[in-house]
C-alpha atoms as a PDB file:
ATOM      1  CA  MET A   1       4.119  19.806   6.450  1.00  0.00           C
ATOM      2  CA  ALA A   2       7.600  19.394   4.970  1.00  0.00           C
ATOM      3  CA  LEU A   3       6.519  16.493   2.773  1.00  0.00           C
ATOM      4  CA  ALA A   4       6.194  18.078  -0.663  1.00  0.00           C
ATOM      5  CA  PRO A   5       3.462  15.574  -1.643  1.00  0.00           C
ATOM      6  CA  VAL A   6       2.252  15.538  -5.234  1.00  0.00           C
ATOM      7  CA  GLU A   7      -0.638  13.566  -6.722  1.00  0.00           C
ATOM      8  CA  SER A   8       1.200  11.799  -9.600  1.00  0.00           C
ATOM      9  CA  PRO A   9       4.784  13.029  -9.966  1.00  0.00           C
ATOM     10  CA  ASN A  10       7.316  11.783 -12.476  1.00  0.00           C
ATOM     11  CA  GLN A  11      10.034  13.832 -10.788  1.00  0.00           C
ATOM     12  CA  PHE A  12      10.134  15.654  -7.485  1.00  0.00           C
ATOM     13  CA  LEU A  13      12.604  18.145  -6.099  1.00  0.00           C
ATOM     14  CA  CYS A  14      14.877  17.260  -9.066  1.00  0.00           C
ATOM     15  CA  GLU A  15      16.389  14.450  -6.993  1.00  0.00           C
ATOM     16  CA  TYR A  16      14.276  11.405  -7.712  1.00  0.00           C
ATOM     17  CA  LYS A  17      12.566  10.019 -10.785  1.00  0.00           C
ATOM     18  CA  THR A  18       9.549   7.832 -10.077  1.00  0.00           C
ATOM     19  CA  GLY A  19       8.584   4.742 -12.015  1.00  0.00           C
ATOM     20  CA  LYS A  20       6.001   2.018 -11.639  1.00  0.00           C
ATOM     21  CA  THR A  21       3.387   2.022  -8.893  1.00  0.00           C
ATOM     22  CA  LEU A  22       4.098  -0.589  -6.228  1.00  0.00           C
ATOM     23  CA  GLY A  23       0.762  -0.237  -4.475  1.00  0.00           C
ATOM     24  CA  GLN A  24      -1.889   2.104  -3.197  1.00  0.00           C
ATOM     25  CA  GLY A  25      -3.338   2.864   0.216  1.00  0.00           C
ATOM     26  CA  SER A  26      -6.188   4.956   1.550  1.00  0.00           C
ATOM     27  CA  TYR A  27      -4.332   8.274   1.233  1.00  0.00           C
ATOM     28  CA  ALA A  28      -1.032   7.492  -0.466  1.00  0.00           C
ATOM     29  CA  THR A  29       0.549   5.742  -3.420  1.00  0.00           C
ATOM     30  CA  VAL A  30       3.889   3.956  -3.188  1.00  0.00           C
ATOM     31  CA  LYS A  31       6.071   4.226  -6.291  1.00  0.00           C
ATOM     32  CA  GLU A  32       9.459   2.889  -7.221  1.00  0.00           C
ATOM     33  CA  ALA A  33      11.946   5.746  -7.467  1.00  0.00           C
ATOM     34  CA  VAL A  34      15.507   6.251  -8.658  1.00  0.00           C
ATOM     35  CA  LYS A  35      17.811   8.825  -7.133  1.00  0.00           C
ATOM     36  CA  ILE A  36      19.085  10.651 -10.200  1.00  0.00           C
ATOM     37  CA  SER A  37      22.537  11.455  -8.823  1.00  0.00           C
ATOM     38  CA  THR A  38      23.415   7.888  -7.781  1.00  0.00           C
ATOM     39  CA  GLY A  39      21.075   5.543  -9.645  1.00  0.00           C
ATOM     40  CA  GLU A  40      19.992   3.961  -6.337  1.00  0.00           C
ATOM     41  CA  HIS A  41      16.505   2.489  -6.172  1.00  0.00           C
ATOM     42  CA  PHE A  42      14.073   3.453  -3.423  1.00  0.00           C
ATOM     43  CA  ALA A  43      10.381   3.397  -2.604  1.00  0.00           C
ATOM     44  CA  VAL A  44       8.637   6.750  -2.274  1.00  0.00           C
ATOM     45  CA  LYS A  45       5.340   7.303  -0.530  1.00  0.00           C
ATOM     46  CA  VAL A  46       3.371   9.918  -2.475  1.00  0.00           C
ATOM     47  CA  ILE A  47       0.821  11.445  -0.113  1.00  0.00           C
ATOM     48  CA  SER A  48      -2.423  12.999  -1.281  1.00  0.00           C
ATOM     49  CA  LYS A  49      -2.947  16.303   0.505  1.00  0.00           C
ATOM     50  CA  ARG A  50      -6.645  16.125  -0.309  1.00  0.00           C
ATOM     51  CA  LEU A  51      -7.146  12.671   1.197  1.00  0.00           C
ATOM     52  CA  MET A  52      -4.940  13.455   4.191  1.00  0.00           C
ATOM     53  CA  ALA A  53      -6.882  16.598   5.107  1.00  0.00           C
ATOM     54  CA  GLY A  54      -7.653  16.503   8.806  1.00  0.00           C
ATOM     55  CA  ARG A  55      -5.442  13.462   9.388  1.00  0.00           C
ATOM     56  CA  GLU A  56      -2.005  15.002   9.007  1.00  0.00           C
ATOM     57  CA  HIS A  57      -1.095  13.741  12.478  1.00  0.00           C
ATOM     58  CA  LEU A  58      -0.901  10.176  11.105  1.00  0.00           C
ATOM     59  CA  ILE A  59       1.927  10.909   8.694  1.00  0.00           C
ATOM     60  CA  LEU A  60       3.661  13.263  11.107  1.00  0.00           C
ATOM     61  CA  ASN A  61       3.667  10.477  13.687  1.00  0.00           C
ATOM     62  CA  GLU A  62       5.205   8.073  11.162  1.00  0.00           C
ATOM     63  CA  ILE A  63       7.914  10.608  10.336  1.00  0.00           C
ATOM     64  CA  GLU A  64       8.680  11.161  14.015  1.00  0.00           C
ATOM     65  CA  ILE A  65       9.032   7.414  14.587  1.00  0.00           C
ATOM     66  CA  LEU A  66      11.224   6.765  11.544  1.00  0.00           C
ATOM     67  CA  LYS A  67      13.481   9.757  12.223  1.00  0.00           C
ATOM     68  CA  LYS A  68      14.031   8.440  15.737  1.00  0.00           C
ATOM     69  CA  VAL A  69      14.986   4.897  14.738  1.00  0.00           C
ATOM     70  CA  SER A  70      16.454   5.162  11.226  1.00  0.00           C
ATOM     71  CA  LYS A  71      19.964   3.692  10.889  1.00  0.00           C
ATOM     72  CA  GLY A  72      20.092   2.763  14.554  1.00  0.00           C
ATOM     73  CA  ASN A  73      19.382  -0.895  13.848  1.00  0.00           C
ATOM     74  CA  ASN A  74      19.952  -2.977  10.713  1.00  0.00           C
ATOM     75  CA  HIS A  75      16.559  -4.624  11.040  1.00  0.00           C
ATOM     76  CA  ILE A  76      14.518  -1.409  11.017  1.00  0.00           C
ATOM     77  CA  VAL A  77      13.515   0.136   7.704  1.00  0.00           C
ATOM     78  CA  THR A  78      15.456   3.338   6.984  1.00  0.00           C
ATOM     79  CA  LEU A  79      13.892   6.716   6.210  1.00  0.00           C
ATOM     80  CA  HIS A  80      16.068   8.619   3.743  1.00  0.00           C
ATOM     81  CA  ASP A  81      14.286  11.936   3.205  1.00  0.00           C
ATOM     82  CA  LEU A  82      11.337  13.807   4.618  1.00  0.00           C
ATOM     83  CA  TYR A  83       9.272  13.094   1.551  1.00  0.00           C
ATOM     84  CA  LEU A  84       9.239   9.550   2.923  1.00  0.00           C
ATOM     85  CA  VAL A  85      11.756   8.116   0.494  1.00  0.00           C
ATOM     86  CA  MET A  86      12.627   4.707   1.899  1.00  0.00           C
ATOM     87  CA  ASP A  87      14.615   1.584   1.092  1.00  0.00           C
ATOM     88  CA  LEU A  88      13.060  -0.507  -1.673  1.00  0.00           C
ATOM     89  CA  CYS A  89      12.578  -4.126  -0.684  1.00  0.00           C
ATOM     90  CA  THR A  90      12.804  -6.643  -3.522  1.00  0.00           C
ATOM     91  CA  GLY A  91      13.025  -9.831  -1.482  1.00  0.00           C
ATOM     92  CA  GLY A  92       9.326 -10.200  -0.747  1.00  0.00           C
ATOM     93  CA  GLU A  93       7.366 -10.997   2.400  1.00  0.00           C
ATOM     94  CA  LEU A  94       8.337 -13.591   4.972  1.00  0.00           C
ATOM     95  CA  PHE A  95       5.479 -15.953   4.092  1.00  0.00           C
ATOM     96  CA  ASP A  96       6.356 -15.925   0.406  1.00  0.00           C
ATOM     97  CA  ARG A  97       9.975 -16.784   1.163  1.00  0.00           C
ATOM     98  CA  ILE A  98       8.959 -19.679   3.414  1.00  0.00           C
ATOM     99  CA  VAL A  99       6.610 -21.113   0.788  1.00  0.00           C
ATOM    100  CA  GLU A 100       9.374 -20.910  -1.837  1.00  0.00           C
ATOM    101  CA  ARG A 101      11.907 -22.726   0.338  1.00  0.00           C
ATOM    102  CA  GLY A 102      12.865 -26.360  -0.072  1.00  0.00           C
ATOM    103  CA  SER A 103      12.783 -26.899   3.696  1.00  0.00           C
ATOM    104  CA  PHE A 104      11.910 -25.066   6.902  1.00  0.00           C
ATOM    105  CA  PHE A 105      13.103 -26.185  10.321  1.00  0.00           C
ATOM    106  CA  GLU A 106      12.462 -25.043  13.864  1.00  0.00           C
ATOM    107  CA  GLU A 107      15.914 -23.451  13.809  1.00  0.00           C
ATOM    108  CA  ASP A 108      14.812 -21.274  10.884  1.00  0.00           C
ATOM    109  CA  ALA A 109      11.805 -20.073  12.874  1.00  0.00           C
ATOM    110  CA  ALA A 110      14.022 -19.349  15.891  1.00  0.00           C
ATOM    111  CA  GLU A 111      16.399 -17.282  13.745  1.00  0.00           C
ATOM    112  CA  ILE A 112      13.509 -15.267  12.292  1.00  0.00           C
ATOM    113  CA  ILE A 113      12.146 -14.549  15.761  1.00  0.00           C
ATOM    114  CA  ARG A 114      15.624 -13.654  17.057  1.00  0.00           C
ATOM    115  CA  THR A 115      15.974 -11.074  14.285  1.00  0.00           C
ATOM    116  CA  VAL A 116      12.546  -9.608  15.072  1.00  0.00           C
ATOM    117  CA  LEU A 117      13.300  -9.525  18.798  1.00  0.00           C
ATOM    118  CA  GLU A 118      16.560  -7.633  18.225  1.00  0.00           C
ATOM    119  CA  ALA A 119      14.711  -4.982  16.253  1.00  0.00           C
ATOM    120  CA  VAL A 120      11.818  -4.780  18.728  1.00  0.00           C
ATOM    121  CA  ALA A 121      14.195  -4.594  21.689  1.00  0.00           C
ATOM    122  CA  TYR A 122      15.861  -1.645  19.964  1.00  0.00           C
ATOM    123  CA  LEU A 123      12.484   0.036  19.353  1.00  0.00           C
ATOM    124  CA  HIS A 124      11.418  -0.502  22.938  1.00  0.00           C
ATOM    125  CA  GLY A 125      14.723   0.939  24.100  1.00  0.00           C
ATOM    126  CA  GLN A 126      13.683   4.085  22.227  1.00  0.00           C
ATOM    127  CA  ASN A 127      10.253   3.912  23.936  1.00  0.00           C
ATOM    128  CA  ILE A 128       8.561   3.052  20.635  1.00  0.00           C
ATOM    129  CA  VAL A 129       5.780   0.492  20.340  1.00  0.00           C
ATOM    130  CA  HIS A 130       5.326  -0.902  16.835  1.00  0.00           C
ATOM    131  CA  ARG A 131       1.763  -2.187  17.402  1.00  0.00           C
ATOM    132  CA  ASP A 132       1.465  -4.154  14.162  1.00  0.00           C
ATOM    133  CA  ILE A 133       4.063  -6.925  14.310  1.00  0.00           C
ATOM    134  CA  LYS A 134       3.010  -9.653  11.855  1.00  0.00           C
ATOM    135  CA  PRO A 135       4.627 -11.748   9.110  1.00  0.00           C
ATOM    136  CA  GLU A 136       3.312  -9.441   6.372  1.00  0.00           C
ATOM    137  CA  ASN A 137       5.361  -6.593   7.853  1.00  0.00           C
ATOM    138  CA  LEU A 138       8.603  -8.586   7.721  1.00  0.00           C
ATOM    139  CA  LEU A 139      10.362  -8.001   4.414  1.00  0.00           C
ATOM    140  CA  PHE A 140      13.606  -9.249   2.875  1.00  0.00           C
ATOM    141  CA  ARG A 141      15.943  -6.658   1.402  1.00  0.00           C
ATOM    142  CA  ALA A 142      16.678  -8.720  -1.720  1.00  0.00           C
ATOM    143  CA  LYS A 143      15.724 -12.043  -3.272  1.00  0.00           C
ATOM    144  CA  ASP A 144      19.188 -13.480  -2.668  1.00  0.00           C
ATOM    145  CA  SER A 145      19.467 -12.053   0.858  1.00  0.00           C
ATOM    146  CA  ASN A 146      18.381 -13.320   4.264  1.00  0.00           C
ATOM    147  CA  ASP A 147      18.476  -9.782   5.658  1.00  0.00           C
ATOM    148  CA  LEU A 148      15.046  -9.346   7.223  1.00  0.00           C
ATOM    149  CA  VAL A 149      13.619  -5.974   8.292  1.00  0.00           C
ATOM    150  CA  ILE A 150      10.517  -4.732  10.075  1.00  0.00           C
ATOM    151  CA  ALA A 151       8.390  -2.376   7.985  1.00  0.00           C
ATOM    152  CA  ASP A 152       5.256  -0.256   8.408  1.00  0.00           C
ATOM    153  CA  PHE A 153       5.451   2.238  11.246  1.00  0.00           C
ATOM    154  CA  GLY A 154       2.083   3.759  10.457  1.00  0.00           C
ATOM    155  CA  LEU A 155       0.567   2.526  13.741  1.00  0.00           C
ATOM    156  CA  SER A 156       3.673   2.964  15.892  1.00  0.00           C
ATOM    157  CA  LYS A 157       3.636   5.266  18.896  1.00  0.00           C
ATOM    158  CA  ILE A 158       6.123   6.701  21.344  1.00  0.00           C
ATOM    159  CA  ALA A 159       5.205   5.220  24.716  1.00  0.00           C
ATOM    160  CA  ASP A 160       5.590   6.692  28.179  1.00  0.00           C
ATOM    161  CA  GLY A 161       8.602   4.738  29.367  1.00  0.00           C
ATOM    162  CA  GLU A 162       7.609   1.377  30.833  1.00  0.00           C
ATOM    163  CA  ALA A 163       3.940   2.289  31.321  1.00  0.00           C
ATOM    164  CA  LEU A 164       1.641  -0.556  30.283  1.00  0.00           C
ATOM    165  CA  ASN A 165      -1.554   1.396  29.725  1.00  0.00           C
ATOM    166  CA  ASN A 166      -0.852   4.822  28.255  1.00  0.00           C
ATOM    167  CA  LEU A 167      -1.954   3.885  24.700  1.00  0.00           C
ATOM    168  CA  ARG A 168      -5.628   3.200  24.055  1.00  0.00           C
ATOM    169  CA  THR A 169      -6.284   3.223  20.294  1.00  0.00           C
ATOM    170  CA  LEU A 170      -7.803   0.035  18.914  1.00  0.00           C
ATOM    171  CA  CYS A 171      -5.265  -0.844  16.246  1.00  0.00           C
ATOM    172  CA  GLY A 172      -3.310  -3.651  14.694  1.00  0.00           C
ATOM    173  CA  THR A 173      -4.203  -6.810  12.804  1.00  0.00           C
ATOM    174  CA  PRO A 174      -6.953  -9.112  14.108  1.00  0.00           C
ATOM    175  CA  GLY A 175      -5.387 -12.381  15.159  1.00  0.00           C
ATOM    176  CA  TYR A 176      -2.165 -10.700  16.316  1.00  0.00           C
ATOM    177  CA  MET A 177      -3.764  -8.118  18.638  1.00  0.00           C
ATOM    178  CA  ALA A 178      -3.339  -8.469  22.394  1.00  0.00           C
ATOM    179  CA  PRO A 179      -6.458  -8.629  24.617  1.00  0.00           C
ATOM    180  CA  GLU A 180      -5.832  -5.208  26.159  1.00  0.00           C
ATOM    181  CA  VAL A 181      -5.817  -3.632  22.676  1.00  0.00           C
ATOM    182  CA  ILE A 182      -9.187  -5.170  21.817  1.00  0.00           C
ATOM    183  CA  LEU A 183     -10.690  -4.122  25.140  1.00  0.00           C
ATOM    184  CA  LYS A 184      -9.108  -0.651  24.958  1.00  0.00           C
ATOM    185  CA  THR A 185      -8.031  -0.875  28.588  1.00  0.00           C
ATOM    186  CA  GLY A 186      -4.677   0.687  27.760  1.00  0.00           C
ATOM    187  CA  HIS A 187      -1.533  -0.907  26.388  1.00  0.00           C
ATOM    188  CA  GLY A 188       2.218  -0.465  26.029  1.00  0.00           C
ATOM    189  CA  LYS A 189       5.312  -2.234  24.732  1.00  0.00           C
ATOM    190  CA  SER A 190       4.129  -5.680  25.791  1.00  0.00           C
ATOM    191  CA  VAL A 191       1.599  -5.810  22.934  1.00  0.00           C
ATOM    192  CA  ASP A 192       4.511  -6.366  20.567  1.00  0.00           C
ATOM    193  CA  LEU A 193       5.558  -9.453  22.534  1.00  0.00           C
ATOM    194  CA  TRP A 194       2.046 -10.912  22.322  1.00  0.00           C
ATOM    195  CA  SER A 195       2.200 -10.456  18.538  1.00  0.00           C
ATOM    196  CA  ILE A 196       5.628 -12.090  18.415  1.00  0.00           C
ATOM    197  CA  GLY A 197       4.273 -15.045  20.377  1.00  0.00           C
ATOM    198  CA  VAL A 198       1.367 -15.464  17.958  1.00  0.00           C
ATOM    199  CA  MET A 199       3.753 -15.192  15.021  1.00  0.00           C
ATOM    200  CA  THR A 200       6.082 -17.796  16.557  1.00  0.00           C
ATOM    201  CA  TYR A 201       3.184 -20.213  16.928  1.00  0.00           C
ATOM    202  CA  PHE A 202       2.183 -19.544  13.314  1.00  0.00           C
ATOM    203  CA  LEU A 203       5.717 -20.058  11.966  1.00  0.00           C
ATOM    204  CA  LEU A 204       5.987 -23.422  13.693  1.00  0.00           C
ATOM    205  CA  CYS A 205       2.692 -24.896  12.518  1.00  0.00           C
ATOM    206  CA  GLY A 206       1.115 -22.710   9.814  1.00  0.00           C
ATOM    207  CA  TYR A 207      -1.981 -21.593  11.723  1.00  0.00           C
ATOM    208  CA  THR A 208      -2.626 -19.112  14.522  1.00  0.00           C
ATOM    209  CA  PRO A 209      -3.238 -20.197  18.121  1.00  0.00           C
ATOM    210  CA  PHE A 210      -6.752 -18.720  18.135  1.00  0.00           C
ATOM    211  CA  ASP A 211      -8.236 -20.250  15.003  1.00  0.00           C
ATOM    212  CA  GLY A 212     -11.902 -21.000  15.714  1.00  0.00           C
ATOM    213  CA  GLN A 213     -15.132 -21.581  13.898  1.00  0.00           C
ATOM    214  CA  GLY A 214     -15.705 -17.896  13.282  1.00  0.00           C
ATOM    215  CA  SER A 215     -14.330 -14.440  13.977  1.00  0.00           C
ATOM    216  CA  THR A 216     -16.377 -13.925  17.151  1.00  0.00           C
ATOM    217  CA  GLU A 217     -15.114 -17.196  18.567  1.00  0.00           C
ATOM    218  CA  ASP A 218     -11.555 -16.260  17.618  1.00  0.00           C
ATOM    219  CA  MET A 219     -11.813 -12.940  19.439  1.00  0.00           C
ATOM    220  CA  ASP A 220     -13.299 -14.613  22.507  1.00  0.00           C
ATOM    221  CA  LYS A 221     -10.332 -16.983  22.595  1.00  0.00           C
ATOM    222  CA  ILE A 222      -7.909 -14.069  22.364  1.00  0.00           C
ATOM    223  CA  LEU A 223      -9.587 -12.246  25.250  1.00  0.00           C
ATOM    224  CA  ARG A 224      -9.330 -15.399  27.409  1.00  0.00           C
ATOM    225  CA  GLY A 225      -5.902 -16.414  26.141  1.00  0.00           C
ATOM    226  CA  ALA A 226      -7.451 -19.787  25.336  1.00  0.00           C
ATOM    227  CA  TYR A 227      -5.152 -21.750  23.061  1.00  0.00           C
ATOM    228  CA  ALA A 228      -3.460 -25.132  23.018  1.00  0.00           C
ATOM    229  CA  PHE A 229      -0.620 -26.879  21.232  1.00  0.00           C
ATOM    230  CA  GLU A 230      -2.848 -29.038  19.083  1.00  0.00           C
ATOM    231  CA  PRO A 231      -2.993 -31.414  17.366  1.00  0.00           C
ATOM    232  CA  ARG A 232      -0.600 -33.051  19.787  1.00  0.00           C
ATOM    233  CA  GLU A 233       0.807 -35.428  17.196  1.00  0.00           C
ATOM    234  CA  TYR A 234       2.113 -32.385  15.313  1.00  0.00           C
ATOM    235  CA  TRP A 235       3.455 -30.463  18.294  1.00  0.00           C
ATOM    236  CA  THR A 236       5.373 -33.474  19.618  1.00  0.00           C
ATOM    237  CA  ASP A 237       7.912 -32.627  16.908  1.00  0.00           C
ATOM    238  CA  ILE A 238       8.303 -29.075  18.257  1.00  0.00           C
ATOM    239  CA  SER A 239      10.712 -28.581  21.146  1.00  0.00           C
ATOM    240  CA  ALA A 240       9.501 -27.941  24.688  1.00  0.00           C
ATOM    241  CA  LYS A 241      11.654 -24.796  24.702  1.00  0.00           C
ATOM    242  CA  ALA A 242       9.764 -23.352  21.720  1.00  0.00           C
ATOM    243  CA  GLN A 243       6.445 -24.044  23.424  1.00  0.00           C
ATOM    244  CA  ASP A 244       7.720 -22.437  26.633  1.00  0.00           C
ATOM    245  CA  PHE A 245       8.769 -19.347  24.664  1.00  0.00           C
ATOM    246  CA  ILE A 246       5.249 -19.057  23.268  1.00  0.00           C
ATOM    247  CA  ARG A 247       3.706 -19.476  26.729  1.00  0.00           C
ATOM    248  CA  LYS A 248       5.820 -16.625  28.070  1.00  0.00           C
ATOM    249  CA  THR A 249       4.648 -14.247  25.333  1.00  0.00           C
ATOM    250  CA  ILE A 250       0.968 -15.150  24.924  1.00  0.00           C
ATOM    251  CA  LEU A 251      -0.185 -14.180  28.398  1.00  0.00           C
ATOM    252  CA  VAL A 252      -3.407 -12.234  28.968  1.00  0.00           C
ATOM    253  CA  ASP A 253      -1.826 -10.189  31.766  1.00  0.00           C
ATOM    254  CA  PRO A 254       0.674  -7.854  30.034  1.00  0.00           C
ATOM    255  CA  ARG A 255       2.597  -7.496  33.280  1.00  0.00           C
ATOM    256  CA  GLN A 256       3.494 -11.182  33.124  1.00  0.00           C
ATOM    257  CA  ARG A 257       4.738 -11.210  29.533  1.00  0.00           C
ATOM    258  CA  ILE A 258       8.434 -11.551  28.864  1.00  0.00           C
ATOM    259  CA  THR A 259      10.174  -8.415  27.585  1.00  0.00           C
ATOM    260  CA  ALA A 260      11.956  -8.285  24.244  1.00  0.00           C
ATOM    261  CA  ALA A 261      15.341  -8.031  25.967  1.00  0.00           C
ATOM    262  CA  ASP A 262      14.622 -11.047  28.176  1.00  0.00           C
ATOM    263  CA  ALA A 263      13.177 -12.983  25.253  1.00  0.00           C
ATOM    264  CA  LEU A 264      16.533 -12.709  23.476  1.00  0.00           C
ATOM    265  CA  ASN A 265      18.004 -14.681  26.365  1.00  0.00           C
ATOM    266  CA  HIS A 266      15.310 -17.344  26.380  1.00  0.00           C
ATOM    267  CA  PRO A 267      16.748 -20.886  25.992  1.00  0.00           C
ATOM    268  CA  TRP A 268      14.872 -21.437  22.713  1.00  0.00           C
ATOM    269  CA  ILE A 269      16.579 -18.439  21.110  1.00  0.00           C
ATOM    270  CA  LEU A 270      19.978 -19.168  22.617  1.00  0.00           C
ATOM    271  CA  GLU A 271      19.960 -22.854  21.696  1.00  0.00           C
ATOM    272  CA  TYR A 272      18.077 -22.962  18.413  1.00  0.00           C
ATOM    273  CA  ALA A 273      18.716 -19.727  16.491  1.00  0.00           C
ATOM    274  CA  PRO A 274      21.640 -20.372  14.085  1.00  0.00           C
ATOM    275  CA  GLY A 275      22.736 -16.750  14.445  1.00  0.00           C
ATOM    276  CA  VAL A 276      23.398 -17.378  18.136  1.00  0.00           C
ATOM    277  CA  VAL A 277      24.819 -20.889  18.316  1.00  0.00           C
ATOM    278  CA  ALA A 278      26.001 -23.455  15.791  1.00  0.00           C
ATOM    279  CA  ASP A 279      24.796 -27.066  15.802  1.00  0.00           C
ATOM    280  CA  GLY A 280      26.699 -29.178  18.282  1.00  0.00           C
ATOM    281  CA  PRO A 281      27.211 -32.956  18.536  1.00  0.00           C
ATOM    282  CA  ASN A 282      24.451 -33.280  21.150  1.00  0.00           C
ATOM    283  CA  ARG A 283      21.786 -31.448  19.184  1.00  0.00           C
ATOM    284  CA  VAL A 284      18.722 -33.521  18.264  1.00  0.00           C
ATOM    285  CA  PRO A 285      17.848 -32.897  14.584  1.00  0.00           C
ATOM    286  CA  THR A 286      14.495 -31.197  14.173  1.00  0.00           C
ATOM    287  CA  LYS A 287      11.779 -32.129  11.711  1.00  0.00           C
ATOM    288  CA  ASP A 288      11.296 -30.374   8.381  1.00  0.00           C
ATOM    289  CA  LEU A 289       8.160 -28.318   9.049  1.00  0.00           C
ATOM    290  CA  LEU A 290       7.706 -27.043   5.506  1.00  0.00           C
ATOM    291  CA  PRO A 291       5.133 -29.543   4.166  1.00  0.00           C
ATOM    292  CA  ASP A 292       2.622 -28.816   6.941  1.00  0.00           C
ATOM    293  CA  VAL A 293       3.434 -25.115   7.295  1.00  0.00           C
ATOM    294  CA  LYS A 294       3.300 -24.500   3.537  1.00  0.00           C
ATOM    295  CA  ARG A 295      -0.065 -26.208   3.165  1.00  0.00           C
ATOM    296  CA  ARG A 296      -1.622 -24.289   6.032  1.00  0.00           C
ATOM    297  CA  ILE A 297      -0.124 -20.911   5.113  1.00  0.00           C
ATOM    298  CA  THR A 298      -1.270 -21.069   1.497  1.00  0.00           C
ATOM    299  CA  GLY A 299      -4.702 -22.232   2.583  1.00  0.00           C
ATOM    300  CA  GLY A 300      -5.266 -19.867   5.469  1.00  0.00           C
ATOM    301  CA  LYS A 301      -3.574 -16.498   4.924  1.00  0.00           C
ATOM    302  CA  THR A 302      -6.972 -14.752   4.939  1.00  0.00           C
ATOM    303  CA  LYS A 303      -8.301 -16.504   8.039  1.00  0.00           C
ATOM    304  CA  PHE A 304      -8.959 -13.260   9.922  1.00  0.00           C
ATOM    305  CA  ARG A 305     -10.488 -11.152   7.161  1.00  0.00           C
ATOM    306  CA  GLY A 306     -13.848 -11.223   8.937  1.00  0.00           C
ATOM    307  CA  ALA A 307     -12.392 -10.609  12.378  1.00  0.00           C
ATOM    308  CA  VAL A 308     -12.463  -6.798  12.158  1.00  0.00           C
ATOM    309  CA  GLU A 309     -16.184  -6.774  12.929  1.00  0.00           C
ATOM    310  CA  ALA A 310     -15.626  -9.053  15.902  1.00  0.00           C
ATOM    311  CA  VAL A 311     -12.895  -6.787  17.276  1.00  0.00           C
ATOM    312  CA  VAL A 312     -15.171  -3.770  16.999  1.00  0.00           C
ATOM    313  CA  ALA A 313     -17.974  -5.691  18.704  1.00  0.00           C
ATOM    314  CA  ALA A 314     -15.680  -6.779  21.528  1.00  0.00           C
ATOM    315  CA  SER A 315     -14.483  -3.215  22.019  1.00  0.00           C
ATOM    316  CA  ARG A 316     -18.027  -1.889  22.173  1.00  0.00           C
ATOM    317  CA  MET A 317     -19.099  -4.589  24.628  1.00  0.00           C
ATOM    318  CA  SER A 318     -16.252  -3.585  26.922  1.00  0.00           C
ATOM    319  CA  HIS A 319     -17.516   0.006  26.979  1.00  0.00           C
ATOM    320  CA  LEU A 320     -21.258  -0.465  27.477  1.00  0.00           C
ATOM    321  CA  GLY A 321     -22.709   2.446  29.379  1.00  0.00           C
ATOM    322  CA  SER A 322     -20.009   4.860  28.340  1.00  0.00           C
ATOM    323  CA  VAL A 323     -20.648   7.981  26.289  1.00  0.00           C
ATOM    324  CA  ARG A 324     -20.458   7.180  22.571  1.00  0.00           C
ATOM    325  CA  ASN A 325     -17.430   8.696  20.860  1.00  0.00           C
ATOM    326  CA  GLU A 326     -18.497   9.982  17.445  1.00  0.00           C
ATOM    327  CA  GLN A 327     -14.924   9.630  16.155  1.00  0.00           C
ATOM    328  CA  ALA A 328     -14.561   5.965  17.158  1.00  0.00           C
ATOM    329  CA  PRO A 329     -15.786   4.421  13.869  1.00  0.00           C
ATOM    330  CA  MET A 330     -13.222   6.428  11.892  1.00  0.00           C
ATOM    331  CA  GLU A 331     -10.523   5.531  14.362  1.00  0.00           C
ATOM    332  CA  LEU A 332     -11.323   1.846  14.011  1.00  0.00           C
ATOM    333  CA  GLU A 333     -11.470   2.045  10.240  1.00  0.00           C
ATOM    334  CA  GLU A 334      -8.086   3.733  10.011  1.00  0.00           C
ATOM    335  CA  SER A 335      -6.359   1.555  12.565  1.00  0.00           C
ATOM    336  CA  LEU A 336      -7.460  -1.983  11.726  1.00  0.00           C
ATOM    337  CA  HIS A 337      -5.711  -3.877   8.950  1.00  0.00           C
ATOM    338  CA  PRO A 338      -7.138  -7.230   7.749  1.00  0.00           C
ATOM    339  CA  GLN A 339      -4.435  -9.857   7.737  1.00  0.00           C
ATOM    340  CA  ASP A 340      -4.333 -10.227   3.969  1.00  0.00           C
ATOM    341  CA  GLU A 341      -4.428  -6.513   3.135  1.00  0.00           C
ATOM    342  CA  VAL A 342      -1.309  -5.184   1.395  1.00  0.00           C
ATOM    343  CA  ASP A 343      -0.025  -2.386   3.598  1.00  0.00           C
ATOM    344  CA  LEU A 344       1.948   0.314   1.843  1.00  0.00           C
ATOM    345  CA  MET A 345       3.368   2.372   4.667  1.00  0.00           C
ATOM    346  CA  VAL A 346       6.999   1.269   4.345  1.00  0.00           C
ATOM    347  CA  LEU A 347       9.091  -0.646   1.826  1.00  0.00           C
ATOM    348  CA  THR A 348      12.834  -1.367   1.879  1.00  0.00           C
ATOM    349  CA  ARG A 349      15.797  -1.063  -0.453  1.00  0.00           C
ATOM    350  CA  SER A 350      17.981  -3.949  -1.572  1.00  0.00           C
END
C-alpha cells in the first residue's frame, strides 16, 4: 500500500508536520497537519497498519473514489496526496451552523439541497454512489464561508452504470438508509436520493420522517415508506413544492425515485434556491423555521443511536432460511454508523 502510515508521527515524508489530534476512528487517527513548504493547513488520516490488517480493501476503495472525483467538483472534498492528506474544514458541520444562525428559511434549505444535489449528480456521473449522505457529512470550509462540501467517502462504491441492484452491503446511517439497503436486496445510485429526501424533510422541520416510538418501529416505517407531513399545522408553512420534492425522493421503489440530475430541475430547487433564482415581486415570503428546527435538532440528534440493532434484525429477517455468512457481523459493524458518531474519514481545508 502506498500510504506510508505511521502510528504517531510528528513529521512524515519531510513534507508535513502534524499537530493536534482532530479525532479517532476504529483504525485511524485524524490529525491537523501543516505543509512545511507552503504553511497550508490540512487534515491527515494516519492509518494503523496493525488495525487495518486484513481490511486494506477499505482504505484502497476510499483512495480509488477520491482519486476519481478530486478537483472535479467544488463540493467534493479534495484528496491531496496518497497518504490521505485532505482539506482541513474549520467551518463545522451543517447542523452546528444552522443552530448558530439567527434565522433559517425554506430558501436556505433549498440552497443546501441544491448544493448537495450538484455534488451527488457529479458523483453519479462518475458512477460513484456515496451511500452515507447525511447532515453530519456536510461540512463548511471555513467559519466565515458558506462553501459546503460532502465528506466521508469511506462507504462509497463505484457502481455498475445505472444498475439498481449491484451493491449489497448493509451500510450507511440508520434513519437515512433506503429500504433496499436494509433488506440487502441490492442497491445503486438511487439510495443517495432517498437519503437526500430524508435530509430535506429533516432540514425543514428538525425531525426525520420515520421517527417512531422505538428503533424497530422506525425501521418498519422505513421499509414501508410510511411517513406523513405532520403535524399539519407546522407543515402548512412549508411549500407544496418542497413536499412534492420529498415525495419524489422518499419512494420505496428505487426505480421510481427521481435522479440527482432531474432533482436539480425540480420546481422547488429552481424557484426556492437562492443560488438559482433571486426573489421576485410575486414570491410569497416564507416562515422563519429556526425556532422549531433548532429546538428539535438540539433535542434529537441522537434519535437513531439504537437503530443499528433494528437494522441488523430487519436484514436477518429478510434472509431467513439462507446460509449464515460468518463474515456478516463484521461487515455490519464496520459499515453502520450511528447518527451521532463522529466520523473521521474525510475533513476539508479552509
